[in-house]
PDB file of N, CA and C in Angstrom:
ATOM      1  N   UNK A   1      52.793  99.632 -63.625  1.00  0.00           N
ATOM      2  CA  UNK A   1      54.154  99.400 -63.956  1.00  0.00           C
ATOM      3  C   UNK A   1      54.725  98.675 -62.859  1.00  0.00           C
ATOM      4  N   UNK A   2      54.510  99.143 -61.592  1.00  0.00           N
ATOM      5  CA  UNK A   2      55.009  98.435 -60.543  1.00  0.00           C
ATOM      6  C   UNK A   2      54.641  97.098 -60.326  1.00  0.00           C
ATOM      7  N   UNK A   3      53.326  96.896 -60.628  1.00  0.00           N
ATOM      8  CA  UNK A   3      52.909  95.350 -60.490  1.00  0.00           C
ATOM      9  C   UNK A   3      53.469  94.610 -61.425  1.00  0.00           C
ATOM     10  N   UNK A   4      53.676  95.036 -62.821  1.00  0.00           N
ATOM     11  CA  UNK A   4      54.393  94.291 -63.707  1.00  0.00           C
ATOM     12  C   UNK A   4      55.703  93.832 -63.229  1.00  0.00           C
ATOM     13  N   UNK A   5      56.527  94.825 -62.684  1.00  0.00           N
ATOM     14  CA  UNK A   5      57.848  94.692 -62.201  1.00  0.00           C
ATOM     15  C   UNK A   5      57.765  93.613 -61.119  1.00  0.00           C
ATOM     16  N   UNK A   6      56.846  93.623 -60.199  1.00  0.00           N
ATOM     17  CA  UNK A   6      56.755  92.697 -59.105  1.00  0.00           C
ATOM     18  C   UNK A   6      56.460  91.300 -59.596  1.00  0.00           C
ATOM     19  N   UNK A   7      55.638  91.151 -60.599  1.00  0.00           N
ATOM     20  CA  UNK A   7      55.254  89.938 -61.214  1.00  0.00           C
ATOM     21  C   UNK A   7      56.528  89.223 -61.925  1.00  0.00           C
ATOM     22  N   UNK A   8      57.188  90.076 -62.801  1.00  0.00           N
ATOM     23  CA  UNK A   8      58.537  89.609 -63.407  1.00  0.00           C
ATOM     24  C   UNK A   8      59.492  89.097 -62.356  1.00  0.00           C
ATOM     25  N   UNK A   9      59.636  89.855 -61.319  1.00  0.00           N
ATOM     26  CA  UNK A   9      60.586  89.489 -60.356  1.00  0.00           C
ATOM     27  C   UNK A   9      60.280  88.196 -59.747  1.00  0.00           C
ATOM     28  N   UNK A  10      58.968  88.017 -59.442  1.00  0.00           N
ATOM     29  CA  UNK A  10      58.461  86.765 -58.829  1.00  0.00           C
ATOM     30  C   UNK A  10      58.718  85.544 -59.730  1.00  0.00           C
ATOM     31  N   UNK A  11      58.524  85.850 -60.975  1.00  0.00           N
ATOM     32  CA  UNK A  11      58.847  84.770 -62.088  1.00  0.00           C
ATOM     33  C   UNK A  11      60.221  84.354 -62.057  1.00  0.00           C
ATOM     34  N   UNK A  12      61.066  85.428 -61.875  1.00  0.00           N
ATOM     35  CA  UNK A  12      62.539  85.126 -62.072  1.00  0.00           C
ATOM     36  C   UNK A  12      62.912  84.384 -60.725  1.00  0.00           C
ATOM     37  N   UNK A  13      62.529  84.870 -59.698  1.00  0.00           N
ATOM     38  CA  UNK A  13      62.777  84.080 -58.385  1.00  0.00           C
ATOM     39  C   UNK A  13      62.358  82.824 -58.388  1.00  0.00           C
ATOM     40  N   UNK A  14      61.204  82.489 -59.010  1.00  0.00           N
ATOM     41  CA  UNK A  14      60.649  81.046 -59.163  1.00  0.00           C
ATOM     42  C   UNK A  14      61.541  80.196 -60.014  1.00  0.00           C
ATOM     43  N   UNK A  15      61.906  80.877 -61.134  1.00  0.00           N
ATOM     44  CA  UNK A  15      62.876  80.125 -61.942  1.00  0.00           C
ATOM     45  C   UNK A  15      64.194  79.850 -61.384  1.00  0.00           C
ATOM     46  N   UNK A  16      64.690  80.735 -60.631  1.00  0.00           N
ATOM     47  CA  UNK A  16      66.018  80.520 -60.015  1.00  0.00           C
ATOM     48  C   UNK A  16      65.963  79.408 -59.088  1.00  0.00           C
ATOM     49  N   UNK A  17      64.817  79.431 -58.331  1.00  0.00           N
ATOM     50  CA  UNK A  17      64.750  78.392 -57.299  1.00  0.00           C
ATOM     51  C   UNK A  17      64.546  77.076 -57.915  1.00  0.00           C
ATOM     52  N   UNK A  18      63.823  76.905 -59.012  1.00  0.00           N
ATOM     53  CA  UNK A  18      63.747  75.701 -59.826  1.00  0.00           C
ATOM     54  C   UNK A  18      65.080  75.168 -60.492  1.00  0.00           C
ATOM     55  N   UNK A  19      65.783  76.153 -60.994  1.00  0.00           N
ATOM     56  CA  UNK A  19      67.148  75.757 -61.405  1.00  0.00           C
ATOM     57  C   UNK A  19      67.979  75.274 -60.244  1.00  0.00           C
ATOM     58  N   UNK A  20      68.018  75.886 -59.124  1.00  0.00           N
ATOM     59  CA  UNK A  20      68.704  75.296 -57.910  1.00  0.00           C
ATOM     60  C   UNK A  20      68.411  74.050 -57.587  1.00  0.00           C
ATOM     61  N   UNK A  21      67.095  73.806 -57.625  1.00  0.00           N
ATOM     62  CA  UNK A  21      66.828  72.345 -57.250  1.00  0.00           C
ATOM     63  C   UNK A  21      67.200  71.352 -58.342  1.00  0.00           C
ATOM     64  N   UNK A  22      67.055  71.692 -59.522  1.00  0.00           N
ATOM     65  CA  UNK A  22      67.651  70.834 -60.691  1.00  0.00           C
ATOM     66  C   UNK A  22      69.117  70.553 -60.553  1.00  0.00           C
ATOM     67  N   UNK A  23      69.913  71.735 -60.233  1.00  0.00           N
ATOM     68  CA  UNK A  23      71.292  71.542 -60.044  1.00  0.00           C
ATOM     69  C   UNK A  23      71.659  70.628 -58.947  1.00  0.00           C
ATOM     70  N   UNK A  24      70.860  70.710 -57.859  1.00  0.00           N
ATOM     71  CA  UNK A  24      71.207  69.799 -56.580  1.00  0.00           C
ATOM     72  C   UNK A  24      70.927  68.327 -56.935  1.00  0.00           C
ATOM     73  N   UNK A  25      69.959  68.153 -57.848  1.00  0.00           N
ATOM     74  CA  UNK A  25      69.674  66.805 -58.284  1.00  0.00           C
ATOM     75  C   UNK A  25      70.658  66.224 -59.239  1.00  0.00           C
ATOM     76  N   UNK A  26      71.331  67.030 -60.048  1.00  0.00           N
ATOM     77  CA  UNK A  26      72.112  66.598 -61.092  1.00  0.00           C
ATOM     78  C   UNK A  26      73.602  66.360 -60.572  1.00  0.00           C
ATOM     79  N   UNK A  27      73.893  67.309 -59.447  1.00  0.00           N
ATOM     80  CA  UNK A  27      75.404  67.114 -58.811  1.00  0.00           C
ATOM     81  C   UNK A  27      75.663  65.884 -58.456  1.00  0.00           C
ATOM     82  N   UNK A  28      75.093  65.004 -57.845  1.00  0.00           N
ATOM     83  CA  UNK A  28      75.567  63.606 -57.474  1.00  0.00           C
ATOM     84  C   UNK A  28      75.871  62.711 -58.779  1.00  0.00           C
ATOM     85  N   UNK A  29      74.959  63.114 -59.790  1.00  0.00           N
ATOM     86  CA  UNK A  29      75.234  62.253 -61.037  1.00  0.00           C
ATOM     87  C   UNK A  29      76.595  62.744 -61.648  1.00  0.00           C
ATOM     88  N   UNK A  30      76.865  63.873 -61.786  1.00  0.00           N
ATOM     89  CA  UNK A  30      77.998  64.468 -62.098  1.00  0.00           C
ATOM     90  C   UNK A  30      79.251  64.045 -61.432  1.00  0.00           C
ATOM     91  N   UNK A  31      79.228  63.920 -60.153  1.00  0.00           N
ATOM     92  CA  UNK A  31      80.254  63.451 -59.223  1.00  0.00           C
ATOM     93  C   UNK A  31      80.401  61.937 -59.585  1.00  0.00           C
ATOM     94  N   UNK A  32      79.429  61.194 -59.721  1.00  0.00           N
ATOM     95  CA  UNK A  32      79.594  59.751 -60.023  1.00  0.00           C
ATOM     96  C   UNK A  32      80.285  59.593 -61.401  1.00  0.00           C
ATOM     97  N   UNK A  33      79.901  60.356 -62.478  1.00  0.00           N
ATOM     98  CA  UNK A  33      80.566  60.314 -63.765  1.00  0.00           C
ATOM     99  C   UNK A  33      82.073  60.800 -63.607  1.00  0.00           C
ATOM    100  N   UNK A  34      82.394  61.801 -62.916  1.00  0.00           N
ATOM    101  CA  UNK A  34      83.729  62.103 -62.740  1.00  0.00           C
ATOM    102  C   UNK A  34      84.546  60.986 -62.173  1.00  0.00           C
ATOM    103  N   UNK A  35      83.899  60.212 -61.098  1.00  0.00           N
ATOM    104  CA  UNK A  35      84.579  59.270 -60.311  1.00  0.00           C
ATOM    105  C   UNK A  35      84.908  58.013 -61.394  1.00  0.00           C
ATOM    106  N   UNK A  36      83.803  57.708 -62.365  1.00  0.00           N
ATOM    107  CA  UNK A  36      84.010  56.721 -63.271  1.00  0.00           C
ATOM    108  C   UNK A  36      85.126  57.056 -64.190  1.00  0.00           C
ATOM    109  N   UNK A  37      85.150  58.439 -64.613  1.00  0.00           N
ATOM    110  CA  UNK A  37      86.175  58.772 -65.592  1.00  0.00           C
ATOM    111  C   UNK A  37      87.619  58.582 -64.991  1.00  0.00           C
ATOM    112  N   UNK A  38      87.759  59.048 -63.802  1.00  0.00           N
ATOM    113  CA  UNK A  38      89.053  58.797 -63.100  1.00  0.00           C
ATOM    114  C   UNK A  38      89.473  57.442 -62.906  1.00  0.00           C
ATOM    115  N   UNK A  39      88.485  56.497 -62.503  1.00  0.00           N
ATOM    116  CA  UNK A  39      88.856  55.073 -62.468  1.00  0.00           C
ATOM    117  C   UNK A  39      89.111  54.475 -63.802  1.00  0.00           C
ATOM    118  N   UNK A  40      88.534  54.941 -64.915  1.00  0.00           N
ATOM    119  CA  UNK A  40      88.782  54.462 -66.200  1.00  0.00           C
ATOM    120  C   UNK A  40      90.142  54.891 -66.608  1.00  0.00           C
ATOM    121  N   UNK A  41      90.469  56.215 -66.329  1.00  0.00           N
ATOM    122  CA  UNK A  41      91.835  56.681 -66.741  1.00  0.00           C
ATOM    123  C   UNK A  41      92.918  55.883 -65.932  1.00  0.00           C
ATOM    124  N   UNK A  42      92.725  55.554 -64.637  1.00  0.00           N
ATOM    125  CA  UNK A  42      93.668  54.906 -63.806  1.00  0.00           C
ATOM    126  C   UNK A  42      93.769  53.403 -64.354  1.00  0.00           C
ATOM    127  N   UNK A  43      92.665  52.808 -64.889  1.00  0.00           N
ATOM    128  CA  UNK A  43      92.760  51.503 -65.384  1.00  0.00           C
ATOM    129  C   UNK A  43      93.352  51.419 -66.687  1.00  0.00           C
ATOM    130  N   UNK A  44      93.240  52.448 -67.522  1.00  0.00           N
ATOM    131  CA  UNK A  44      93.976  52.534 -68.683  1.00  0.00           C
ATOM    132  C   UNK A  44      95.581  52.871 -68.529  1.00  0.00           C
ATOM    133  N   UNK A  45      95.895  53.496 -67.489  1.00  0.00           N
ATOM    134  CA  UNK A  45      97.257  53.733 -67.219  1.00  0.00           C
ATOM    135  C   UNK A  45      98.012  52.506 -66.764  1.00  0.00           C
ATOM    136  N   UNK A  46      97.273  51.729 -65.862  1.00  0.00           N
ATOM    137  CA  UNK A  46      97.763  50.435 -65.315  1.00  0.00           C
ATOM    138  C   UNK A  46      97.910  49.474 -66.507  1.00  0.00           C
ATOM    139  N   UNK A  47      96.852  49.318 -67.358  1.00  0.00           N
ATOM    140  CA  UNK A  47      97.086  48.424 -68.557  1.00  0.00           C
ATOM    141  C   UNK A  47      98.143  48.939 -69.556  1.00  0.00           C
ATOM    142  N   UNK A  48      98.338  50.230 -69.568  1.00  0.00           N
ATOM    143  CA  UNK A  48      99.418  50.600 -70.531  1.00  0.00           C
ATOM    144  C   UNK A  48     100.714  50.305 -70.083  1.00  0.00           C
ATOM    145  N   UNK A  49     101.006  50.530 -68.781  1.00  0.00           N
ATOM    146  CA  UNK A  49     102.331  50.281 -68.065  1.00  0.00           C
ATOM    147  C   UNK A  49     102.589  48.841 -68.014  1.00  0.00           C
ATOM    148  N   UNK A  50     101.468  48.000 -67.975  1.00  0.00           N
ATOM    149  CA  UNK A  50     101.678  46.416 -68.018  1.00  0.00           C
ATOM    150  C   UNK A  50     102.087  46.097 -69.570  1.00  0.00           C
ATOM    151  N   UNK A  51     101.525  46.646 -70.315  1.00  0.00           N
ATOM    152  CA  UNK A  51     101.744  46.416 -71.874  1.00  0.00           C
ATOM    153  C   UNK A  51     103.273  46.817 -72.154  1.00  0.00           C
ATOM    154  N   UNK A  52     103.580  47.894 -71.721  1.00  0.00           N
ATOM    155  CA  UNK A  52     105.026  48.299 -71.850  1.00  0.00           C
ATOM    156  C   UNK A  52     105.926  47.466 -71.074  1.00  0.00           C
ATOM    157  N   UNK A  53     105.676  46.897 -69.917  1.00  0.00           N
ATOM    158  CA  UNK A  53     106.489  46.012 -69.259  1.00  0.00           C
ATOM    159  C   UNK A  53     106.646  44.668 -70.057  1.00  0.00           C
ATOM    160  N   UNK A  54     105.507  44.155 -70.524  1.00  0.00           N
ATOM    161  CA  UNK A  54     105.450  42.939 -71.296  1.00  0.00           C
ATOM    162  C   UNK A  54     106.319  43.080 -72.545  1.00  0.00           C
ATOM    163  N   UNK A  55     106.135  44.243 -73.281  1.00  0.00           N
ATOM    164  CA  UNK A  55     106.984  44.481 -74.576  1.00  0.00           C
ATOM    165  C   UNK A  55     108.442  44.672 -74.310  1.00  0.00           C
ATOM    166  N   UNK A  56     108.854  45.247 -73.062  1.00  0.00           N
ATOM    167  CA  UNK A  56     110.173  45.484 -72.754  1.00  0.00           C
ATOM    168  C   UNK A  56     110.782  43.945 -72.369  1.00  0.00           C
ATOM    169  N   UNK A  57     109.985  43.140 -71.677  1.00  0.00           N
ATOM    170  CA  UNK A  57     110.497  41.888 -71.209  1.00  0.00           C
ATOM    171  C   UNK A  57     110.658  41.004 -72.600  1.00  0.00           C
ATOM    172  N   UNK A  58     109.787  41.132 -73.424  1.00  0.00           N
ATOM    173  CA  UNK A  58     109.863  40.391 -74.742  1.00  0.00           C
ATOM    174  C   UNK A  58     111.078  40.847 -75.494  1.00  0.00           C
ATOM    175  N   UNK A  59     111.346  42.172 -75.659  1.00  0.00           N
ATOM    176  CA  UNK A  59     112.483  42.748 -76.250  1.00  0.00           C
ATOM    177  C   UNK A  59     113.842  42.070 -75.599  1.00  0.00           C
ATOM    178  N   UNK A  60     113.883  42.134 -74.470  1.00  0.00           N
ATOM    179  CA  UNK A  60     115.126  41.704 -73.650  1.00  0.00           C
ATOM    180  C   UNK A  60     115.366  40.108 -73.897  1.00  0.00           C
ATOM    181  N   UNK A  61     114.131  39.400 -73.909  1.00  0.00           N
ATOM    182  CA  UNK A  61     114.261  37.970 -74.146  1.00  0.00           C
ATOM    183  C   UNK A  61     114.737  37.759 -75.633  1.00  0.00           C
ATOM    184  N   UNK A  62     114.297  38.380 -76.652  1.00  0.00           N
ATOM    185  CA  UNK A  62     114.769  38.340 -77.990  1.00  0.00           C
ATOM    186  C   UNK A  62     116.391  38.673 -78.048  1.00  0.00           C
ATOM    187  N   UNK A  63     116.584  39.829 -77.504  1.00  0.00           N
ATOM    188  CA  UNK A  63     118.015  40.168 -77.584  1.00  0.00           C
ATOM    189  C   UNK A  63     118.982  39.094 -76.953  1.00  0.00           C
ATOM    190  N   UNK A  64     118.503  38.514 -75.755  1.00  0.00           N
ATOM    191  CA  UNK A  64     119.285  37.514 -75.064  1.00  0.00           C
ATOM    192  C   UNK A  64     119.319  36.236 -76.068  1.00  0.00           C
ATOM    193  N   UNK A  65     118.270  35.767 -76.734  1.00  0.00           N
ATOM    194  CA  UNK A  65     118.339  34.792 -77.583  1.00  0.00           C
ATOM    195  C   UNK A  65     119.301  34.926 -78.780  1.00  0.00           C
ATOM    196  N   UNK A  66     119.426  36.209 -79.314  1.00  0.00           N
ATOM    197  CA  UNK A  66     120.165  36.472 -80.361  1.00  0.00           C
ATOM    198  C   UNK A  66     121.649  36.539 -79.993  1.00  0.00           C
ATOM    199  N   UNK A  67     121.938  37.023 -78.729  1.00  0.00           N
ATOM    200  CA  UNK A  67     123.294  36.999 -78.237  1.00  0.00           C
ATOM    201  C   UNK A  67     123.716  35.566 -77.915  1.00  0.00           C
ATOM    202  N   UNK A  68     122.911  34.749 -77.249  1.00  0.00           N
ATOM    203  CA  UNK A  68     123.329  33.456 -76.897  1.00  0.00           C
ATOM    204  C   UNK A  68     123.170  32.585 -78.045  1.00  0.00           C
ATOM    205  N   UNK A  69     122.397  32.809 -79.064  1.00  0.00           N
ATOM    206  CA  UNK A  69     122.466  31.920 -80.324  1.00  0.00           C
ATOM    207  C   UNK A  69     121.360  31.122 -80.365  1.00  0.00           C
ATOM    208  N   UNK A  70     120.335  31.159 -79.596  1.00  0.00           N
ATOM    209  CA  UNK A  70     119.069  30.261 -79.646  1.00  0.00           C
ATOM    210  C   UNK A  70     118.014  30.878 -80.474  1.00  0.00           C
ATOM    211  N   UNK A  71     118.027  31.976 -81.098  1.00  0.00           N
ATOM    212  CA  UNK A  71     117.169  32.809 -81.767  1.00  0.00           C
ATOM    213  C   UNK A  71     117.175  32.441 -83.246  1.00  0.00           C
TER     214      UNK A  71
END
């Protein structure tokens, strides 16, 4: 009985060590993906703000043309 327990604990320890190695290999990839995601969200934000600015400028231009009478 005790030999079986020792074997099982040994297998569990080996599995945990393997999982730890796998996680340490995956961690840099996960960090890179998080960086890409943040850069993408930042780029979308900048693009969205630019689009709002252009739309606002176009609306002001049209209003000015209507008021001035060139529209």
